[in-house]
Amino acid sequence: MSGSPGERAQFGISPKDTYSLGVFDIDQLSDTPYQMSEQERMQLEFLQHAAR
C-alpha cells in the first residue's frame, strides 16, 4: 500500500518492477462468484477444524 498519493504501492520485495501476464482471452474473465465443489467444501471444513 502506498504511504501517500502519487507514491507507488509496495507489497514486499521483488526483483522486478512488473510481471507480464502474457496473452489470454479477456472474455474468459467473469464477475460470477466462485462456487466450491463438494470436495473443496469438505477439504476447507477439514482444514478449518484442524487449525483449531
N, C-alpha and C. Protein backbone atom coordinates (compact mmCIF):
# COMPACT_ATOMS: atom_id res chain seq x y z
N MET A 1 0.85 -1.17 0.00
CA MET A 1 0.00 0.00 0.00
C MET A 1 0.90 1.24 0.00
N SER A 2 0.49 2.26 -0.71
CA SER A 2 1.32 3.46 -0.78
C SER A 2 1.14 4.29 0.48
N GLY A 3 2.20 5.01 0.83
CA GLY A 3 2.17 5.86 2.01
C GLY A 3 1.48 7.19 1.77
N SER A 4 1.45 7.63 0.52
CA SER A 4 0.83 8.90 0.19
C SER A 4 0.38 8.90 -1.27
N PRO A 5 -0.53 9.81 -1.64
CA PRO A 5 -0.98 9.86 -3.03
C PRO A 5 0.19 10.08 -3.98
N GLY A 6 0.19 9.38 -5.09
CA GLY A 6 1.24 9.51 -6.08
C GLY A 6 2.41 8.57 -5.84
N GLU A 7 2.49 7.98 -4.68
CA GLU A 7 3.57 7.03 -4.37
C GLU A 7 3.14 5.63 -4.78
N ARG A 8 4.05 4.88 -5.40
CA ARG A 8 3.72 3.53 -5.84
C ARG A 8 3.44 2.62 -4.66
N ALA A 9 2.46 1.75 -4.81
CA ALA A 9 2.15 0.77 -3.77
C ALA A 9 3.22 -0.30 -3.76
N GLN A 10 3.56 -0.79 -2.58
CA GLN A 10 4.55 -1.85 -2.45
C GLN A 10 4.04 -2.92 -1.49
N PHE A 11 4.22 -4.16 -1.87
CA PHE A 11 3.80 -5.29 -1.05
C PHE A 11 4.95 -6.27 -0.96
N GLY A 12 6.02 -5.91 -0.28
CA GLY A 12 7.17 -6.79 -0.17
C GLY A 12 8.26 -6.42 -1.15
N ILE A 13 9.26 -7.28 -1.24
CA ILE A 13 10.42 -7.04 -2.09
C ILE A 13 10.35 -7.94 -3.30
N SER A 14 10.55 -7.38 -4.47
CA SER A 14 10.51 -8.14 -5.71
C SER A 14 11.70 -7.74 -6.58
N PRO A 15 12.30 -8.72 -7.26
CA PRO A 15 13.42 -8.38 -8.13
C PRO A 15 13.00 -7.63 -9.41
N LYS A 16 11.71 -7.61 -9.73
CA LYS A 16 11.23 -6.94 -10.94
C LYS A 16 10.19 -5.89 -10.57
N ASP A 17 10.12 -4.84 -11.38
CA ASP A 17 9.10 -3.81 -11.18
C ASP A 17 7.74 -4.26 -11.69
N THR A 18 7.73 -5.03 -12.78
CA THR A 18 6.48 -5.50 -13.37
C THR A 18 6.62 -6.96 -13.79
N TYR A 19 5.51 -7.64 -13.90
CA TYR A 19 5.46 -9.01 -14.38
C TYR A 19 4.41 -9.09 -15.49
N SER A 20 4.78 -9.64 -16.62
CA SER A 20 3.86 -9.78 -17.74
C SER A 20 2.93 -10.96 -17.50
N LEU A 21 1.65 -10.75 -17.75
CA LEU A 21 0.67 -11.83 -17.62
C LEU A 21 0.59 -12.68 -18.88
N GLY A 22 1.20 -12.23 -19.92
CA GLY A 22 1.12 -12.96 -21.18
C GLY A 22 -0.20 -12.66 -21.87
N VAL A 23 -0.48 -13.44 -22.89
CA VAL A 23 -1.69 -13.25 -23.68
C VAL A 23 -2.77 -14.20 -23.18
N PHE A 24 -3.96 -13.68 -22.95
CA PHE A 24 -5.10 -14.52 -22.60
C PHE A 24 -6.38 -13.84 -23.08
N ASP A 25 -7.41 -14.63 -23.22
CA ASP A 25 -8.69 -14.16 -23.73
C ASP A 25 -9.47 -13.50 -22.58
N ILE A 26 -9.64 -12.18 -22.63
CA ILE A 26 -10.33 -11.49 -21.54
C ILE A 26 -11.81 -11.87 -21.46
N ASP A 27 -12.35 -12.49 -22.50
CA ASP A 27 -13.73 -12.95 -22.45
C ASP A 27 -13.91 -14.11 -21.48
N GLN A 28 -12.80 -14.71 -21.05
CA GLN A 28 -12.87 -15.80 -20.06
C GLN A 28 -13.04 -15.26 -18.64
N LEU A 29 -12.81 -13.96 -18.44
CA LEU A 29 -12.98 -13.37 -17.12
C LEU A 29 -14.46 -13.18 -16.82
N SER A 30 -14.81 -13.30 -15.55
CA SER A 30 -16.22 -13.22 -15.17
C SER A 30 -16.36 -12.61 -13.78
N ASP A 31 -17.48 -11.97 -13.53
CA ASP A 31 -17.81 -11.44 -12.20
C ASP A 31 -18.61 -12.45 -11.38
N THR A 32 -18.84 -13.62 -11.95
CA THR A 32 -19.62 -14.65 -11.27
C THR A 32 -18.85 -15.17 -10.06
N PRO A 33 -19.49 -15.17 -8.88
CA PRO A 33 -18.80 -15.68 -7.69
C PRO A 33 -18.39 -17.15 -7.85
N TYR A 34 -17.26 -17.50 -7.27
CA TYR A 34 -16.75 -18.87 -7.35
C TYR A 34 -17.65 -19.81 -6.55
N GLN A 35 -17.96 -20.94 -7.12
CA GLN A 35 -18.77 -21.96 -6.44
C GLN A 35 -17.88 -23.16 -6.16
N MET A 36 -17.67 -23.45 -4.87
CA MET A 36 -16.85 -24.60 -4.49
C MET A 36 -17.56 -25.90 -4.81
N SER A 37 -16.77 -26.89 -5.18
CA SER A 37 -17.32 -28.23 -5.34
C SER A 37 -17.53 -28.82 -3.94
N GLU A 38 -18.26 -29.89 -3.86
CA GLU A 38 -18.50 -30.55 -2.57
C GLU A 38 -17.17 -31.01 -1.96
N GLN A 39 -16.27 -31.51 -2.78
CA GLN A 39 -14.97 -31.96 -2.29
C GLN A 39 -14.17 -30.78 -1.73
N GLU A 40 -14.17 -29.65 -2.43
CA GLU A 40 -13.45 -28.47 -1.95
C GLU A 40 -14.03 -27.97 -0.64
N ARG A 41 -15.36 -28.00 -0.53
CA ARG A 41 -16.01 -27.57 0.71
C ARG A 41 -15.62 -28.47 1.87
N MET A 42 -15.57 -29.77 1.63
CA MET A 42 -15.19 -30.72 2.67
C MET A 42 -13.72 -30.53 3.08
N GLN A 43 -12.84 -30.28 2.10
CA GLN A 43 -11.43 -30.06 2.40
C GLN A 43 -11.25 -28.78 3.22
N LEU A 44 -11.97 -27.73 2.87
CA LEU A 44 -11.89 -26.49 3.62
C LEU A 44 -12.37 -26.69 5.04
N GLU A 45 -13.47 -27.38 5.21
CA GLU A 45 -14.01 -27.66 6.54
C GLU A 45 -13.00 -28.46 7.37
N PHE A 46 -12.36 -29.45 6.76
CA PHE A 46 -11.35 -30.25 7.45
C PHE A 46 -10.20 -29.37 7.91
N LEU A 47 -9.70 -28.51 7.03
CA LEU A 47 -8.58 -27.63 7.38
C LEU A 47 -8.95 -26.63 8.45
N GLN A 48 -10.17 -26.13 8.41
CA GLN A 48 -10.61 -25.18 9.44
C GLN A 48 -10.68 -25.86 10.81
N HIS A 49 -11.16 -27.10 10.85
CA HIS A 49 -11.22 -27.84 12.12
C HIS A 49 -9.80 -28.20 12.60
N ALA A 50 -8.91 -28.53 11.68
CA ALA A 50 -7.54 -28.89 12.04
C ALA A 50 -6.77 -27.70 12.59
N ALA A 51 -7.15 -26.49 12.17
CA ALA A 51 -6.44 -25.29 12.60
C ALA A 51 -6.85 -24.84 13.99
N ARG A 52 -7.88 -25.43 14.56
CA ARG A 52 -8.35 -25.03 15.90
C ARG A 52 -7.52 -25.62 16.98
